[in-house]
Protein backbone atom coordinates (compact mmCIF):
# COMPACT_ATOMS: atom_id res chain seq x y z
CA MET A 1 -0.27 5.18 53.17
CA VAL A 2 1.09 1.71 53.64
CA LEU A 3 -0.20 -0.77 51.10
CA PRO A 4 1.38 -3.97 49.72
CA VAL A 5 1.65 -4.00 45.95
CA HIS A 6 2.72 -6.57 43.42
CA LYS A 7 6.23 -6.26 42.05
CA TYR A 8 4.86 -5.30 38.61
CA GLU A 9 2.74 -2.57 40.19
CA LEU A 10 5.74 -1.38 42.19
CA SER A 11 7.85 -1.06 39.03
CA VAL A 12 5.14 1.02 37.33
CA LEU A 13 4.55 3.17 40.41
CA ASP A 14 8.24 3.94 40.91
CA LEU A 15 8.64 4.96 37.28
CA LEU A 16 5.58 7.22 37.40
CA LYS A 17 6.83 8.86 40.60
CA GLU A 18 9.90 9.82 38.60
CA HIS A 19 8.13 11.03 35.43
CA ARG A 20 4.60 11.74 36.78
CA ARG A 21 2.95 11.34 33.35
CA MET A 22 3.80 8.83 30.57
CA ASN A 23 2.21 7.12 27.62
CA LEU A 24 1.82 3.35 27.42
CA ASP A 25 4.59 2.77 24.88
CA GLU A 26 7.09 4.63 27.08
CA LEU A 27 6.12 2.56 30.10
CA VAL A 28 6.44 -0.74 28.26
CA SER A 29 9.75 0.30 26.73
CA LYS A 30 11.37 1.36 30.00
CA LEU A 31 10.04 -1.45 32.22
CA HIS A 32 10.88 -4.39 29.90
CA LEU A 33 8.02 -6.39 31.40
CA GLY A 34 5.92 -6.92 28.33
CA LYS A 35 2.70 -5.14 27.45
CA ASP A 36 0.33 -7.67 29.08
CA LYS A 37 2.08 -7.44 32.48
CA VAL A 38 2.13 -3.64 32.35
CA MET A 39 -1.57 -3.56 31.46
CA TRP A 40 -2.39 -5.82 34.41
CA ALA A 41 -0.41 -3.61 36.77
CA LEU A 42 -2.10 -0.45 35.45
CA GLU A 43 -5.59 -1.85 36.00
CA ASN A 44 -4.72 -2.76 39.61
CA LEU A 45 -3.13 0.64 40.34
CA LYS A 46 -6.12 2.42 38.84
CA GLU A 47 -8.47 0.42 41.09
CA LYS A 48 -6.41 1.43 44.14
CA GLY A 49 -6.60 5.09 43.12
CA PHE A 50 -2.86 5.40 42.58
CA ILE A 51 -3.07 6.41 38.90
CA THR A 52 -5.53 7.84 36.38
CA ILE A 53 -5.71 6.55 32.82
CA LEU A 54 -6.74 8.84 29.96
CA HIS A 55 -8.29 6.97 27.02
CA GLU A 56 -8.98 8.00 23.44
CA GLU A 57 -10.95 6.41 20.65
CA ARG A 58 -8.85 5.06 17.78
CA GLY A 59 -9.59 3.27 14.55
CA LYS A 60 -7.83 0.29 13.04
CA ILE A 61 -8.36 -0.79 9.47
CA ARG A 62 -7.78 -4.08 7.65
CA ILE A 63 -8.42 -4.51 3.94
CA ASN A 64 -10.15 -7.82 3.29
CA ARG A 65 -9.75 -10.21 0.36
CA GLU A 66 -12.18 -8.42 -1.98
CA GLY A 67 -10.69 -5.06 -1.02
CA ILE A 68 -7.20 -6.30 -1.92
CA GLU A 69 -8.51 -7.23 -5.37
CA TYR A 70 -9.91 -3.71 -5.85
CA VAL A 71 -6.65 -2.12 -4.68
CA ARG A 72 -5.01 -3.89 -7.59
CA ASP A 73 -7.72 -3.56 -10.26
CA GLY A 74 -9.70 -0.53 -9.11
CA LEU A 75 -13.22 -0.32 -7.65
CA PRO A 76 -16.00 -1.73 -9.89
CA GLU A 77 -17.10 1.82 -10.80
CA GLU A 78 -13.50 2.72 -11.75
CA GLN A 79 -13.21 -0.40 -13.92
CA LEU A 80 -16.51 0.42 -15.61
CA LEU A 81 -15.45 4.03 -16.27
CA ARG A 82 -12.22 2.83 -17.88
CA ALA A 83 -14.15 0.37 -20.04
CA LEU A 84 -16.52 3.14 -21.21
CA GLU A 85 -13.56 5.05 -22.65
CA ASN A 86 -13.06 2.39 -25.33
CA LYS A 87 -16.49 0.96 -26.11
CA LYS A 88 -20.23 1.38 -25.86
CA ILE A 89 -21.78 -0.68 -23.08
CA TYR A 90 -25.45 -1.54 -22.80
CA VAL A 91 -27.05 -1.83 -19.38
CA SER A 92 -28.47 -5.24 -20.38
CA SER A 93 -24.97 -6.60 -21.14
CA LEU A 94 -23.48 -5.94 -17.68
CA ASP A 95 -22.14 -8.88 -15.70
CA GLU A 96 -22.34 -9.08 -11.89
CA LYS A 97 -19.30 -6.86 -11.25
CA GLY A 98 -20.43 -4.46 -13.96
CA LYS A 99 -23.82 -4.08 -12.27
CA ILE A 100 -22.10 -3.25 -8.96
CA GLY A 101 -19.95 -0.68 -10.76
CA PHE A 102 -23.00 0.85 -12.43
CA LEU A 103 -24.97 1.13 -9.17
CA TRP A 104 -22.10 2.85 -7.38
CA GLY A 105 -21.23 4.98 -10.40
CA LYS A 106 -24.83 6.21 -10.65
CA ARG A 107 -25.03 6.80 -6.90
CA LEU A 108 -21.84 8.90 -6.97
CA GLY A 109 -22.94 10.84 -10.06
CA LEU A 110 -20.25 9.32 -12.28
CA ILE A 111 -22.41 7.41 -14.77
CA GLU A 112 -25.76 8.04 -16.44
CA ILE A 113 -27.98 6.15 -18.90
CA ALA A 114 -28.67 7.44 -22.40
CA GLY A 115 -30.76 5.32 -24.78
CA GLY A 116 -30.06 2.10 -22.94
CA THR A 117 -26.28 2.63 -22.94
CA LEU A 118 -24.02 3.86 -20.18
CA LYS A 119 -22.38 7.25 -20.42
CA PRO A 120 -19.85 8.87 -18.06
CA THR A 121 -20.80 12.25 -16.64
CA ALA A 122 -18.33 15.15 -16.51
CA ARG A 123 -17.42 14.02 -12.98
CA GLY A 124 -17.10 10.46 -14.27
CA ARG A 125 -14.67 11.49 -17.03
CA GLU A 126 -12.57 13.23 -14.42
CA ALA A 127 -12.68 10.15 -12.17
CA ALA A 128 -11.64 7.91 -15.08
CA LYS A 129 -8.40 9.92 -15.29
CA ASN A 130 -7.69 10.57 -11.63
CA GLY A 131 -9.59 7.80 -9.83
CA VAL A 132 -12.61 7.80 -7.56
CA PRO A 133 -11.82 9.39 -4.14
CA MET A 134 -12.99 6.27 -2.34
CA GLY A 135 -10.72 4.13 -4.53
CA GLU A 136 -7.78 6.48 -3.96
CA LEU A 137 -8.37 6.23 -0.21
CA LEU A 138 -8.46 2.42 -0.40
CA ARG A 139 -5.12 2.40 -2.23
CA GLU A 140 -3.62 4.88 0.23
CA ILE A 141 -4.75 2.78 3.20
CA SER A 142 -3.21 -0.34 1.62
CA LYS A 143 0.17 1.45 1.61
CA ASN A 144 -0.20 2.92 5.13
CA PRO A 145 -2.51 0.63 7.15
CA ASP A 146 -1.16 1.94 10.48
CA ASP A 147 -1.43 5.66 9.68
CA HIS A 148 -3.82 6.65 12.51
CA GLU A 149 -4.04 10.26 11.31
CA LEU A 150 -5.12 9.13 7.84
CA ILE A 151 -7.72 6.82 9.38
CA GLU A 152 -9.10 9.45 11.76
CA GLN A 153 -9.42 12.03 8.98
CA ASN A 154 -11.36 9.67 6.72
CA LEU A 155 -13.62 7.79 9.13
CA GLU A 156 -16.80 8.61 7.21
CA ALA A 157 -15.41 7.32 3.90
CA LEU A 158 -13.91 4.28 5.62
CA SER A 159 -17.29 3.52 7.19
CA GLU A 160 -18.71 3.52 3.64
CA LEU A 161 -15.99 1.11 2.50
CA SER A 162 -16.79 -1.03 5.54
CA LYS A 163 -20.48 -1.12 4.51
CA ARG A 164 -19.33 -2.27 1.06
CA LYS A 165 -17.48 -5.09 2.88
CA LEU A 166 -14.11 -4.08 1.42
CA VAL A 167 -12.47 -3.19 4.74
CA ASP A 168 -12.87 -4.19 8.37
CA LEU A 169 -12.99 -1.05 10.50
CA ASP A 170 -12.29 -1.54 14.18
CA ARG A 171 -13.22 1.37 16.45
CA HIS A 172 -11.71 0.85 19.87
CA THR A 173 -10.43 2.69 22.92
CA GLU A 174 -6.70 2.96 23.52
CA ILE A 175 -4.69 4.33 26.43
CA LYS A 176 -3.38 7.78 25.62
CA GLU A 177 -1.68 8.70 28.87
CA ILE A 178 -1.11 7.43 32.43
CA GLU A 179 -0.67 9.91 35.29
CA ILE A 180 0.16 9.20 38.91
CA THR A 181 -2.35 10.62 41.41
CA LYS A 182 -1.55 12.50 44.60
CA THR A 183 -2.45 9.35 46.54
CA GLY A 184 -0.10 7.31 44.42
CA ALA A 185 2.72 9.78 44.79
CA GLU A 186 2.34 9.78 48.58
CA ALA A 187 1.95 6.01 48.85
CA VAL A 188 4.55 4.10 50.81
CA HIS A 189 4.96 0.45 50.06
CA GLU A 190 6.25 -2.30 52.29
CA GLY A 191 7.58 -5.22 50.34
CA THR A 192 5.58 -6.67 47.50
CA ALA A 193 2.61 -8.93 47.46
CA ASP A 194 3.17 -12.02 45.38
CA PRO A 195 -0.30 -13.41 44.57
CA ILE A 196 -0.56 -16.94 43.22
CA ASP A 197 -1.22 -17.17 39.48
CA GLN A 198 -0.82 -20.93 39.17
CA ILE A 199 -1.90 -23.60 41.65
CA ASP A 200 0.33 -26.62 42.11
CA ARG A 201 0.76 -29.41 44.70
CA GLY A 202 3.32 -27.43 46.71
CA VAL A 203 1.08 -24.37 47.08
CA ILE A 204 -1.79 -26.49 48.39
CA ALA A 205 0.38 -28.61 50.72
CA SER A 206 2.17 -25.59 52.26
CA GLY A 207 -0.98 -23.54 52.75
CA SER A 208 0.82 -20.46 51.38
CA TRP A 209 -2.21 -19.61 49.28
CA ASP A 210 -4.01 -18.42 52.41
CA ALA A 211 -1.51 -15.62 53.09
CA ARG A 212 -0.62 -14.70 49.51
CA GLY A 213 -4.05 -14.69 47.92
CA PHE A 214 -4.70 -15.19 44.24
CA LYS A 215 -3.84 -13.06 41.24
CA ARG A 216 -6.87 -11.23 39.89
CA TYR A 217 -7.70 -11.31 36.19
CA ASP A 218 -9.77 -8.75 34.31
CA ILE A 219 -11.35 -10.44 31.29
CA ASN A 220 -12.38 -7.05 29.90
CA VAL A 221 -8.83 -5.75 29.45
CA LYS A 222 -8.13 -4.95 25.79
CA VAL A 223 -5.35 -7.07 24.33
CA GLY A 224 -3.57 -6.88 21.02
CA ARG A 225 -4.78 -8.75 17.95
CA GLN A 226 -3.64 -12.36 18.00
CA ILE A 227 -2.66 -13.83 14.65
CA PRO A 228 -2.99 -17.63 14.80
CA ALA A 229 -0.82 -19.94 12.76
CA MET A 230 -2.48 -21.15 9.59
CA LYS A 231 -1.67 -23.45 6.71
CA HIS A 232 -0.47 -22.03 3.43
CA PRO A 233 -3.36 -22.02 0.90
CA LEU A 234 -1.47 -24.44 -1.35
CA LYS A 235 -0.74 -26.83 1.53
CA ARG A 236 -4.39 -26.62 2.55
CA LEU A 237 -5.50 -27.57 -0.97
CA ILE A 238 -3.02 -30.46 -1.12
CA ASP A 239 -4.40 -31.78 2.18
CA GLN A 240 -7.96 -31.51 0.81
CA LEU A 241 -6.86 -33.38 -2.30
CA LYS A 242 -5.30 -36.16 -0.23
CA ASP A 243 -8.52 -36.42 1.80
CA ALA A 244 -10.48 -36.74 -1.45
CA TYR A 245 -8.27 -39.54 -2.76
CA VAL A 246 -8.11 -41.48 0.51
CA SER A 247 -11.88 -41.22 1.03
CA MET A 248 -12.33 -42.83 -2.41
CA GLY A 249 -10.07 -45.79 -1.63
CA TYR A 250 -6.76 -44.65 -3.14
CA GLN A 251 -3.31 -45.42 -1.76
CA GLU A 252 -0.58 -42.76 -1.89
CA ILE A 253 2.71 -43.53 -3.61
CA SER A 254 5.87 -41.46 -4.12
CA GLY A 255 9.02 -41.36 -6.20
CA PRO A 256 12.18 -39.32 -6.90
CA ALA A 257 12.14 -35.78 -8.36
CA VAL A 258 15.46 -36.43 -10.13
CA GLU A 259 14.61 -39.16 -12.60
CA SER A 260 15.83 -40.85 -15.78
CA SER A 261 14.28 -40.20 -19.19
CA PHE A 262 13.32 -43.87 -19.20
CA TRP A 263 10.68 -43.45 -16.46
CA VAL A 264 9.62 -39.94 -17.43
CA PHE A 265 9.30 -40.54 -21.17
CA ASP A 266 10.23 -43.99 -22.53
CA SER A 267 8.12 -46.06 -20.13
CA LEU A 268 5.15 -43.88 -21.14
CA PHE A 269 5.64 -44.55 -24.87
CA VAL A 270 6.87 -41.02 -25.65
CA PRO A 271 9.07 -41.22 -28.80
CA GLN A 272 12.75 -40.46 -28.27
CA ASP A 273 12.53 -37.65 -30.84
CA HIS A 274 9.40 -36.10 -29.30
CA PRO A 275 9.62 -32.26 -28.89
CA ALA A 276 8.73 -32.54 -25.19
CA ARG A 277 12.19 -34.06 -24.61
CA ASP A 278 14.01 -31.00 -25.96
CA ALA A 279 16.06 -28.85 -23.60
CA GLN A 280 13.56 -26.06 -24.35
CA ASP A 281 10.95 -28.04 -22.42
CA THR A 282 12.97 -30.18 -20.00
CA PHE A 283 15.67 -29.50 -17.39
CA TYR A 284 18.45 -32.02 -17.98
CA ILE A 285 21.15 -32.59 -15.35
CA SER A 286 24.55 -32.62 -17.05
CA ASN A 287 26.74 -33.57 -14.08
CA LEU A 288 24.99 -36.90 -13.36
CA GLU A 289 25.92 -40.17 -15.04
CA ASN A 290 23.30 -41.90 -17.14
CA ALA A 291 20.97 -44.30 -15.36
CA ASP A 292 21.94 -48.00 -15.29
CA PHE A 293 19.18 -50.37 -16.46
CA LYS A 294 20.86 -53.68 -15.61
CA ASN A 295 18.35 -54.45 -12.86
CA VAL A 296 15.28 -53.03 -14.60
CA PRO A 297 13.31 -55.96 -16.07
CA HIS A 298 11.01 -53.73 -18.14
CA VAL A 299 13.66 -52.33 -20.49
CA LYS A 300 13.17 -55.05 -23.11
CA THR A 301 9.39 -54.56 -23.05
CA VAL A 302 9.74 -50.79 -23.50
CA LYS A 303 12.37 -51.16 -26.23
CA LYS A 304 10.20 -53.60 -28.15
CA ALA A 305 7.12 -51.34 -27.88
CA HIS A 306 9.04 -48.30 -29.14
CA GLN A 307 10.65 -50.03 -32.10
CA LYS A 308 7.39 -51.65 -33.14
CA GLY A 309 5.18 -48.62 -32.53
CA TRP A 310 7.44 -45.78 -33.69
CA HIS A 311 9.51 -47.68 -36.28
CA ALA A 312 12.74 -46.18 -35.01
CA LYS A 313 15.83 -47.45 -33.25
CA TRP A 314 15.53 -47.20 -29.46
CA ARG A 315 18.67 -45.90 -27.75
CA GLU A 316 19.51 -46.78 -24.17
CA ASP A 317 21.82 -43.74 -23.80
CA VAL A 318 18.89 -41.39 -24.55
CA ALA A 319 16.67 -43.24 -22.07
CA GLY A 320 19.40 -42.99 -19.44
CA GLN A 321 19.66 -39.19 -19.44
CA MET A 322 18.96 -37.71 -16.00
CA LEU A 323 16.52 -34.85 -15.58
CA LEU A 324 14.07 -33.14 -13.24
CA ARG A 325 10.78 -34.97 -13.71
CA THR A 326 8.30 -33.09 -15.91
CA HIS A 327 5.31 -34.92 -14.41
CA THR A 328 4.47 -37.20 -11.51
CA THR A 329 3.28 -39.86 -13.96
CA SER A 330 6.85 -41.16 -13.76
CA VAL A 331 5.96 -42.29 -10.21
CA SER A 332 2.86 -44.09 -11.49
CA SER A 333 4.80 -45.78 -14.29
CA ARG A 334 7.28 -47.31 -11.82
CA TYR A 335 4.48 -48.87 -9.77
CA LEU A 336 2.44 -49.82 -12.84
CA TYR A 337 5.18 -51.96 -14.40
CA SER A 338 5.83 -53.73 -11.11
CA ILE A 339 2.12 -54.47 -10.51
CA VAL A 340 1.48 -55.62 -14.09
CA ASN A 341 4.52 -57.91 -13.92
CA ASP A 342 3.18 -59.48 -10.70
CA LEU A 343 -0.29 -59.91 -12.23
CA LYS A 344 1.20 -61.70 -15.25
CA LYS A 345 2.89 -64.19 -12.93
CA ASN A 346 -0.07 -64.56 -10.58
CA PRO A 347 -3.46 -63.09 -11.61
CA ASP A 348 -4.64 -63.37 -7.98
CA SER A 349 -1.71 -61.44 -6.50
CA TYR A 350 -3.82 -58.26 -6.19
CA MET A 351 -7.45 -57.49 -5.55
CA LEU A 352 -8.68 -55.35 -8.44
CA PRO A 353 -9.24 -52.50 -9.00
CA ILE A 354 -6.03 -50.98 -7.65
CA LYS A 355 -6.21 -47.22 -7.04
CA LEU A 356 -3.00 -45.21 -6.59
CA PHE A 357 -2.20 -41.49 -6.41
CA SER A 358 0.89 -39.31 -5.97
CA ILE A 359 1.46 -35.62 -5.29
CA GLY A 360 4.74 -33.78 -5.87
CA ARG A 361 6.72 -30.98 -7.48
CA VAL A 362 7.42 -31.15 -11.22
CA PHE A 363 9.71 -29.00 -13.36
CA ARG A 364 9.30 -27.65 -16.88
CA ASN A 365 11.18 -25.09 -18.93
CA GLU A 366 8.07 -22.93 -19.36
CA SER A 367 7.50 -19.32 -20.36
CA VAL A 368 6.22 -17.80 -17.12
CA ASP A 369 2.79 -16.14 -17.11
CA TYR A 370 -0.21 -15.97 -14.76
CA ARG A 371 -0.85 -19.73 -15.05
CA HIS A 372 2.60 -21.13 -15.92
CA LEU A 373 5.70 -21.54 -13.76
CA GLY A 374 8.96 -23.42 -14.15
CA ASP A 375 8.07 -25.67 -11.21
CA PHE A 376 4.70 -26.44 -9.68
CA TYR A 377 2.70 -29.16 -7.92
CA GLN A 378 0.95 -31.97 -9.76
CA HIS A 379 -1.17 -34.90 -8.65
CA ASP A 380 -1.28 -38.14 -10.55
CA GLY A 381 -3.79 -40.96 -10.33
CA ILE A 382 -4.14 -44.41 -11.87
CA ILE A 383 -6.73 -47.16 -11.60
CA ILE A 384 -5.75 -50.69 -12.64
CA GLY A 385 -8.68 -53.02 -13.19
CA LYS A 386 -10.88 -54.91 -15.60
CA ASN A 387 -13.55 -53.57 -17.96
CA LEU A 388 -12.71 -49.92 -17.18
CA THR A 389 -13.96 -47.25 -19.59
CA LEU A 390 -13.78 -43.49 -20.04
CA SER A 391 -17.05 -43.28 -18.13
CA ASN A 392 -15.23 -44.57 -15.05
CA LEU A 393 -12.50 -41.96 -15.62
CA PHE A 394 -15.00 -39.09 -15.92
CA ASP A 395 -16.82 -40.26 -12.81
CA GLU A 396 -13.65 -40.48 -10.69
CA LEU A 397 -12.31 -37.07 -11.71
CA THR A 398 -15.70 -35.39 -11.31
CA LYS A 399 -15.96 -36.76 -7.76
CA ILE A 400 -12.41 -35.67 -6.85
CA TYR A 401 -12.94 -32.12 -8.07
CA LYS A 402 -16.43 -31.92 -6.59
CA PHE A 403 -14.74 -32.66 -3.24
CA LEU A 404 -12.55 -29.59 -3.89
CA GLY A 405 -15.52 -27.46 -4.92
CA VAL A 406 -14.47 -27.17 -8.59
CA LYS A 407 -16.68 -28.02 -11.56
CA ILE A 408 -14.85 -29.52 -14.54
CA LYS A 409 -15.62 -30.45 -18.13
CA PHE A 410 -13.83 -32.71 -20.64
CA LYS A 411 -12.85 -32.55 -24.29
CA PRO A 412 -10.93 -34.96 -26.58
CA SER A 413 -7.16 -34.44 -26.75
CA TYR A 414 -3.96 -36.24 -27.76
CA PHE A 415 -1.23 -37.48 -25.43
CA PRO A 416 1.37 -40.11 -26.52
CA PHE A 417 0.70 -42.46 -23.60
CA VAL A 418 -3.12 -42.65 -23.67
CA GLU A 419 -5.66 -43.70 -26.27
CA PRO A 420 -8.31 -42.36 -26.16
CA GLY A 421 -7.13 -39.18 -24.43
CA VAL A 422 -8.95 -36.20 -22.96
CA GLU A 423 -8.09 -32.97 -21.22
CA PHE A 424 -10.25 -31.50 -18.50
CA MET A 425 -10.67 -27.87 -17.59
CA ALA A 426 -12.42 -25.47 -15.20
CA TYR A 427 -13.88 -22.01 -15.69
CA TYR A 428 -11.74 -19.09 -14.48
CA GLU A 429 -14.30 -16.44 -13.64
CA LYS A 430 -11.75 -13.64 -13.28
CA ASN A 431 -10.63 -13.84 -16.93
CA LYS A 432 -13.87 -15.31 -18.29
CA GLU A 433 -12.09 -18.32 -19.77
CA TRP A 434 -11.76 -22.08 -19.43
CA ILE A 435 -8.34 -23.15 -18.11
CA GLU A 436 -6.87 -26.58 -18.73
CA LEU A 437 -6.13 -28.43 -15.49
CA GLY A 438 -4.60 -31.58 -16.93
CA GLY A 439 -4.69 -34.54 -19.29
CA ALA A 440 -6.18 -37.99 -18.81
CA GLY A 441 -7.15 -41.16 -20.65
CA MET A 442 -6.72 -44.92 -20.93
CA LEU A 443 -3.10 -46.06 -21.01
CA ARG A 444 -2.06 -47.66 -24.27
CA GLU A 445 -1.46 -51.39 -24.49
CA GLU A 446 2.13 -50.59 -25.55
CA ILE A 447 2.70 -49.30 -22.01
CA THR A 448 0.87 -51.91 -19.97
CA GLY A 449 1.95 -54.81 -22.17
CA VAL A 450 -1.48 -56.39 -21.59
CA LYS A 451 -4.52 -56.36 -23.87
CA ARG A 452 -7.39 -54.24 -22.57
CA SER A 453 -9.74 -57.17 -22.70
CA LYS A 454 -7.69 -58.60 -19.82
CA LEU A 455 -6.56 -55.45 -18.00
CA SER A 456 -7.12 -51.72 -18.46
CA VAL A 457 -5.56 -48.69 -16.79
CA LEU A 458 -7.02 -45.21 -16.34
CA ALA A 459 -4.57 -42.35 -15.71
CA TRP A 460 -4.53 -38.58 -15.20
CA GLY A 461 -2.01 -35.91 -14.19
CA PRO A 462 -3.31 -32.36 -13.56
CA GLY A 463 -1.62 -29.37 -11.93
CA ILE A 464 -2.61 -28.30 -8.41
CA ASP A 465 -1.60 -24.63 -8.50
CA ARG A 466 -4.11 -23.85 -11.25
CA THR A 467 -6.86 -25.46 -9.21
CA LEU A 468 -6.21 -22.94 -6.45
CA LEU A 469 -6.34 -20.17 -9.06
CA ILE A 470 -9.87 -21.36 -9.88
CA LYS A 471 -10.95 -21.73 -6.24
CA ASP A 472 -9.59 -18.43 -4.91
CA GLN A 473 -10.60 -15.64 -7.28
CA SER A 474 -8.47 -13.10 -5.37
CA ILE A 475 -5.34 -14.81 -6.72
CA SER A 476 -4.49 -13.40 -10.13
CA ASN A 477 -1.17 -15.16 -10.73
CA ILE A 478 0.06 -18.52 -9.46
CA SER A 479 3.45 -16.95 -8.71
CA GLU A 480 1.69 -15.29 -5.73
CA LEU A 481 1.64 -18.73 -4.08
CA TYR A 482 5.43 -18.68 -3.77
CA ASN A 483 6.09 -15.13 -2.54
CA ASN A 484 7.28 -14.18 0.94
CA ASP A 485 4.61 -11.60 1.74
CA ILE A 486 3.48 -12.33 5.32
CA GLY A 487 0.62 -9.84 4.96
CA TRP A 488 -0.65 -11.69 1.91
CA LEU A 489 -0.45 -15.03 3.72
CA ARG A 490 -2.30 -13.68 6.78
CA SER A 491 -5.10 -12.36 4.56
CA ARG A 492 -5.74 -15.78 3.00
CA GLN A 493 -8.94 -17.34 4.24
CA GLU A 494 -10.43 -20.78 3.79
CA VAL A 495 -11.54 -21.23 0.17
């Protein structure tokens, strides 16, 4: 039989004539064409009757965000069984997750009700020690997501987990084997057809398309899963935060991460003997010379405010120590002094109110836990205007966090650079607790150098990482945001 074939088809056909029967991976490996090209060639050869393709049904599994949480903490029924080992639990006291655990525990014969309280059955006591089979399977799958034999042997249980929306089960057909037919083995080829897969000016002008024909595409051919590029969850939140600020009329500002104590502490009226300046809290840089304040016009103002307010000698050598900034408020203080100085010279030099924000990394010598790290992201905002009050502050912050989908509340607090001061927090559902996001308040007159009757400044400086902890309940520790787990990153969805 004489029949023109494409060069890809010819490569496949020649290899199959040599081996007669092969699986797809072997073909792709030996031909070095790439899986998509081999698949295209196989479909064409099958249509011509040169090969037969044997398919088999396979299952692929992907654990979703909620499933990942249960891999770590156990299924709701497992968590409830563990809790019943240490205390008596009334049905009426169950929260949402507890109710889910009770329903599944009762359905699986693990939990029963006695006098309004929950009680593990004999099977439940055994499961509390050794785990629920479905939970054990979920943990096993998380370790071996590509174990086809494990998946095939547990399809019924995996279908149940899929119904619980903990895993995504994909049943699909895969090529098991390709075999050359008698027709294919006897086929004789003459040259190769080279169909056109891209039309350009030269093809049209030469008329070669008429003789060559066009490459055929089968839109039903199964292709591998495509993983699109996506933003890191923290970057996505920072972008949302910037959108919130800009939409409310703020202008972004920036400043150095390596800064002098003057801008980080002194300019914000933090006493030079304040504990926050200790090496236990701050990263000082020993191999840098102290900052030079010869060209900083605000030094005298700051020195006077410290000596008057704290009744202690102010030392320029302490203010000149270089460090990694502990907050982005140092950026705000640089701009604040410059703007206030201009307003003193010319009250009409700016249109009030002035709204500024900054976002950047900050560094603190912290004890690391699920909500503390040695370096993290912070955003800082200030509003410079007249007749501003705490009500304006509450309104601005509520709007910003509403934009992010986070509900906040306020309570009085002390910070050296604001009076009055507040801290604001959000509820962390996972641990059933309120977590502080940051501090805020009205900057003291000692900092601005202007009486509030003439000019007032609102300021705040919360962390960003903790906000993501609140928004994405599947994150249990902010250190997860800085790991190198590609699987974890690919499982992150919009939150």
